[in-house]
Amino acid sequence: ESGIGGSMGDNRIRCLHENFAHFLATGRNVVGEYVSRRVRPCPACLAHAGENSLDSDEVRKLEAERQSIEDTLQYVEALLLRNKAQLDSFVDEAAQWEAQSEEDRQHILSKPKLEKRVDEINRILMDRTS
């Protein structure tokens, strides 16, 4: 029995577009979710998508917001890697947490919200292109 995109359970991923579509339809596809965080809809396609399409200014604003959030998420990942590498120099994780700046703590705490917003932007852009 084959899976999404004809995959046969041999630990190979096939047809990213089908995994992405499955994620959009069900919200339950790890590969599709990964693709949704990295795909950027073609601006030319968005411009010709019909009545429900976003105008080019809206697209640019959403893409700029997404890029800003992705930059922040990269910073958060760097903070988390730094924390992991430095953990041994602290008594425990609580002491390490307290040693961080308030700004760094806020960035780390905002990660789930930022990831959710990137997903929302991707869905808005994708919904407006179909």
Protein backbone atom coordinates (compact mmCIF):
# COMPACT_ATOMS: atom_id res chain seq x y z
CA GLU A 1 0.00 0.00 0.00
CA SER A 2 1.44 3.37 -0.95
CA GLY A 3 1.34 6.60 1.03
CA ILE A 4 1.16 10.22 0.03
CA GLY A 5 2.65 10.86 -3.39
CA GLY A 6 3.24 7.17 -3.94
CA SER A 7 5.76 6.73 -1.13
CA MET A 8 6.15 3.09 -0.22
CA GLY A 9 7.30 3.31 3.40
CA ASP A 10 10.97 3.01 2.50
CA ASN A 11 11.84 6.20 4.39
CA ARG A 12 12.06 8.22 1.21
CA ILE A 13 10.02 11.36 0.74
CA ARG A 14 8.37 11.81 -2.62
CA CYS A 15 6.24 14.55 -4.11
CA LEU A 16 6.68 17.47 -1.74
CA HIS A 17 3.76 19.23 -3.42
CA GLU A 18 1.42 16.39 -2.47
CA ASN A 19 2.66 16.36 1.13
CA PHE A 20 2.17 20.13 1.23
CA ALA A 21 -1.37 19.82 -0.16
CA HIS A 22 -2.14 17.08 2.36
CA PHE A 23 -0.92 19.33 5.20
CA LEU A 24 -3.06 22.23 3.99
CA ALA A 25 -6.09 19.97 3.76
CA THR A 26 -5.67 18.10 7.05
CA GLY A 27 -3.14 19.99 9.15
CA ARG A 28 -1.46 16.63 9.82
CA ASN A 29 1.60 16.06 7.69
CA VAL A 30 5.08 16.68 9.07
CA VAL A 31 6.71 16.93 5.65
CA GLY A 32 3.94 19.21 4.37
CA GLU A 33 4.28 21.43 7.43
CA TYR A 34 8.03 21.67 6.85
CA VAL A 35 7.41 22.69 3.23
CA SER A 36 4.76 25.25 4.29
CA ARG A 37 7.34 27.05 6.42
CA ARG A 38 9.77 27.32 3.56
CA VAL A 39 7.74 27.78 0.40
CA ARG A 40 7.21 31.25 -0.99
CA PRO A 41 4.32 31.63 -3.41
CA CYS A 42 5.30 33.07 -6.76
CA PRO A 43 4.43 36.82 -6.78
CA ALA A 44 3.54 36.64 -10.48
CA CYS A 45 1.11 33.81 -9.71
CA LEU A 46 -0.40 35.83 -6.88
CA ALA A 47 -0.91 38.80 -9.19
CA HIS A 48 -2.93 36.65 -11.62
CA ALA A 49 -4.88 34.60 -9.09
CA GLY A 50 -8.27 36.23 -9.65
CA GLU A 51 -10.79 38.09 -7.53
CA ASN A 52 -9.62 36.70 -4.21
CA SER A 53 -6.00 37.52 -4.85
CA LEU A 54 -4.05 39.93 -2.70
CA ASP A 55 -2.82 43.07 -4.35
CA SER A 56 0.92 43.42 -4.77
CA ASP A 57 1.24 45.80 -1.79
CA GLU A 58 -0.49 43.30 0.50
CA VAL A 59 1.74 40.52 -0.80
CA ARG A 60 4.87 42.59 -0.22
CA LYS A 61 3.75 43.48 3.32
CA LEU A 62 3.04 39.85 4.19
CA GLU A 63 6.31 38.68 2.67
CA ALA A 64 8.23 41.38 4.56
CA GLU A 65 6.49 40.41 7.80
CA ARG A 66 7.27 36.75 7.19
CA GLN A 67 10.93 37.53 6.47
CA SER A 68 11.21 39.60 9.64
CA ILE A 69 9.67 36.79 11.69
CA GLU A 70 11.93 34.19 10.06
CA ASP A 71 14.96 36.35 10.91
CA THR A 72 13.79 36.53 14.52
CA LEU A 73 13.25 32.76 14.58
CA GLN A 74 16.82 32.25 13.36
CA TYR A 75 18.01 34.43 16.24
CA VAL A 76 15.91 32.38 18.67
CA GLU A 77 17.41 29.15 17.34
CA ALA A 78 20.89 30.62 17.84
CA LEU A 79 19.96 31.54 21.43
CA LEU A 80 18.71 28.01 22.09
CA LEU A 81 21.88 26.49 20.64
CA ARG A 82 23.99 28.83 22.75
CA ASN A 83 22.01 27.91 25.86
CA LYS A 84 22.45 24.23 25.18
CA ALA A 85 26.20 24.65 24.71
CA GLN A 86 26.58 26.74 27.87
CA LEU A 87 24.30 24.76 30.18
CA ASP A 88 27.19 22.97 31.90
CA SER A 89 28.57 26.31 33.13
CA PHE A 90 25.40 26.96 35.16
CA VAL A 91 24.05 25.26 38.27
CA ASP A 92 20.86 24.38 36.42
CA GLU A 93 18.54 25.59 33.66
CA ALA A 94 16.78 28.00 36.01
CA ALA A 95 20.06 29.76 36.81
CA GLN A 96 20.86 29.94 33.11
CA TRP A 97 17.40 31.38 32.38
CA GLU A 98 17.88 34.08 35.00
CA ALA A 99 21.32 34.96 33.62
CA GLN A 100 19.88 35.81 30.21
CA SER A 101 18.75 39.28 29.30
CA GLU A 102 15.03 40.01 29.47
CA GLU A 103 15.08 40.58 25.71
CA ASP A 104 16.54 37.12 25.05
CA ARG A 105 13.99 35.50 27.37
CA GLN A 106 11.15 37.28 25.55
CA HIS A 107 12.50 36.14 22.18
CA ILE A 108 12.63 32.52 23.34
CA LEU A 109 9.15 32.69 24.84
CA SER A 110 7.76 34.18 21.62
CA LYS A 111 8.92 31.27 19.42
CA PRO A 112 5.57 29.36 19.29
CA LYS A 113 3.64 32.54 18.54
CA LEU A 114 6.09 33.50 15.78
CA GLU A 115 5.92 30.04 14.21
CA LYS A 116 2.14 30.21 14.27
CA ARG A 117 2.18 33.60 12.54
CA VAL A 118 4.48 32.31 9.78
CA ASP A 119 2.03 29.45 9.23
CA GLU A 120 -0.87 31.94 9.09
CA ILE A 121 0.93 34.12 6.55
CA ASN A 122 1.77 31.08 4.41
CA ARG A 123 -1.88 29.99 4.50
CA ILE A 124 -3.12 33.48 3.63
CA LEU A 125 -0.78 33.64 0.67
CA MET A 126 -1.65 30.11 -0.45
CA ASP A 127 -5.43 30.58 0.00
CA ARG A 128 -5.34 33.72 -2.09
CA THR A 129 -3.54 31.96 -4.92
CA SER A 130 -6.02 29.09 -5.32
